[in-house]
Amino acid sequence: MNAPTLDRSITRLALNYSEAARALGIARNTLVRLVEEDAIRPVRVGRRYLFPVCQLEEFLSEGGEGSY
């Protein structure tokens, strides 16, 4: 039996904490701190917290405000 294949043409709309931190080029702990400071907010989907890609792009376009 063959394993199901993932359609690589599908673009992800949201990323988990680790993926979002990698996409932003920051440490996961820095992303957690930004969330605690309300500089960026994840969306809860079931039991998971996800970061919409459009929100990450907006955060960067506005200068990525937050303390480091």
C-alpha atoms as a PDB file:
ATOM      1  CA  MET A   1       0.000   0.000   0.000  1.00  0.00           C
ATOM      2  CA  ASN A   2       1.371   3.406  -0.985  1.00  0.00           C
ATOM      3  CA  ALA A   3       1.503   6.270   1.492  1.00  0.00           C
ATOM      4  CA  PRO A   4      -0.597   9.302   0.551  1.00  0.00           C
ATOM      5  CA  THR A   5       1.374  12.051  -1.136  1.00  0.00           C
ATOM      6  CA  LEU A   6       1.175  15.701  -0.229  1.00  0.00           C
ATOM      7  CA  ASP A   7       0.208  18.027  -3.041  1.00  0.00           C
ATOM      8  CA  ARG A   8       3.205  20.393  -3.144  1.00  0.00           C
ATOM      9  CA  SER A   9       1.175  22.975  -5.067  1.00  0.00           C
ATOM     10  CA  ILE A  10      -0.860  23.818  -1.957  1.00  0.00           C
ATOM     11  CA  THR A  11       0.375  26.983  -0.253  1.00  0.00           C
ATOM     12  CA  ARG A  12       0.245  26.973   3.532  1.00  0.00           C
ATOM     13  CA  LEU A  13      -1.918  29.755   4.942  1.00  0.00           C
ATOM     14  CA  ALA A  14      -0.710  29.457   8.537  1.00  0.00           C
ATOM     15  CA  LEU A  15       2.377  28.256  10.390  1.00  0.00           C
ATOM     16  CA  ASN A  16       2.938  26.821  13.856  1.00  0.00           C
ATOM     17  CA  TYR A  17       5.294  28.468  16.381  1.00  0.00           C
ATOM     18  CA  SER A  18       8.478  26.796  15.131  1.00  0.00           C
ATOM     19  CA  GLU A  19       7.680  27.365  11.462  1.00  0.00           C
ATOM     20  CA  ALA A  20       6.709  31.005  12.050  1.00  0.00           C
ATOM     21  CA  ALA A  21       9.926  31.678  13.980  1.00  0.00           C
ATOM     22  CA  ARG A  22      11.977  30.106  11.166  1.00  0.00           C
ATOM     23  CA  ALA A  23      10.083  32.130   8.557  1.00  0.00           C
ATOM     24  CA  LEU A  24      10.797  35.344  10.476  1.00  0.00           C
ATOM     25  CA  GLY A  25      14.422  34.365  11.055  1.00  0.00           C
ATOM     26  CA  ILE A  26      14.141  34.619  14.843  1.00  0.00           C
ATOM     27  CA  ALA A  27      14.364  32.199  17.755  1.00  0.00           C
ATOM     28  CA  ARG A  28      11.185  30.485  18.921  1.00  0.00           C
ATOM     29  CA  ASN A  29      11.669  32.108  22.354  1.00  0.00           C
ATOM     30  CA  THR A  30      11.713  35.535  20.703  1.00  0.00           C
ATOM     31  CA  LEU A  31       8.417  34.741  18.981  1.00  0.00           C
ATOM     32  CA  VAL A  32       6.935  33.638  22.318  1.00  0.00           C
ATOM     33  CA  ARG A  33       8.053  36.967  23.827  1.00  0.00           C
ATOM     34  CA  LEU A  34       6.474  38.904  20.937  1.00  0.00           C
ATOM     35  CA  VAL A  35       3.197  37.051  21.530  1.00  0.00           C
ATOM     36  CA  GLU A  36       3.357  37.853  25.263  1.00  0.00           C
ATOM     37  CA  GLU A  37       3.873  41.540  24.373  1.00  0.00           C
ATOM     38  CA  ASP A  38       0.890  41.447  21.956  1.00  0.00           C
ATOM     39  CA  ALA A  39       3.188  42.487  19.107  1.00  0.00           C
ATOM     40  CA  ILE A  40       1.873  39.505  17.136  1.00  0.00           C
ATOM     41  CA  ARG A  41      -1.065  37.199  17.837  1.00  0.00           C
ATOM     42  CA  PRO A  42      -1.558  33.584  16.901  1.00  0.00           C
ATOM     43  CA  VAL A  43      -4.978  32.235  15.962  1.00  0.00           C
ATOM     44  CA  ARG A  44      -6.314  29.263  17.893  1.00  0.00           C
ATOM     45  CA  VAL A  45      -7.543  26.407  15.713  1.00  0.00           C
ATOM     46  CA  GLY A  46      -8.736  23.553  17.892  1.00  0.00           C
ATOM     47  CA  ARG A  47      -5.905  22.976  20.352  1.00  0.00           C
ATOM     48  CA  ARG A  48      -3.243  24.462  18.096  1.00  0.00           C
ATOM     49  CA  TYR A  49      -2.007  28.018  17.776  1.00  0.00           C
ATOM     50  CA  LEU A  50      -1.172  29.106  14.239  1.00  0.00           C
ATOM     51  CA  PHE A  51       0.216  32.283  12.705  1.00  0.00           C
ATOM     52  CA  PRO A  52      -1.461  33.318   9.440  1.00  0.00           C
ATOM     53  CA  VAL A  53       1.237  34.019   6.852  1.00  0.00           C
ATOM     54  CA  CYS A  54      -0.472  37.301   5.923  1.00  0.00           C
ATOM     55  CA  GLN A  55      -0.176  38.413   9.569  1.00  0.00           C
ATOM     56  CA  LEU A  56       3.558  37.626   9.607  1.00  0.00           C
ATOM     57  CA  GLU A  57       4.011  39.634   6.406  1.00  0.00           C
ATOM     58  CA  GLU A  58       2.047  42.546   7.899  1.00  0.00           C
ATOM     59  CA  PHE A  59       4.127  42.417  11.086  1.00  0.00           C
ATOM     60  CA  LEU A  60       7.320  42.730   9.042  1.00  0.00           C
ATOM     61  CA  SER A  61       5.967  45.436   6.735  1.00  0.00           C
ATOM     62  CA  GLU A  62       5.069  47.540   9.795  1.00  0.00           C
ATOM     63  CA  GLY A  63       8.632  47.347  11.041  1.00  0.00           C
ATOM     64  CA  GLY A  64       8.415  44.287  13.275  1.00  0.00           C
ATOM     65  CA  GLU A  65       7.873  46.264  16.470  1.00  0.00           C
ATOM     66  CA  GLY A  66       8.668  44.485  19.709  1.00  0.00           C
ATOM     67  CA  SER A  67      11.461  44.404  22.240  1.00  0.00           C
ATOM     68  CA  TYR A  68      14.347  42.018  21.795  1.00  0.00           C
END
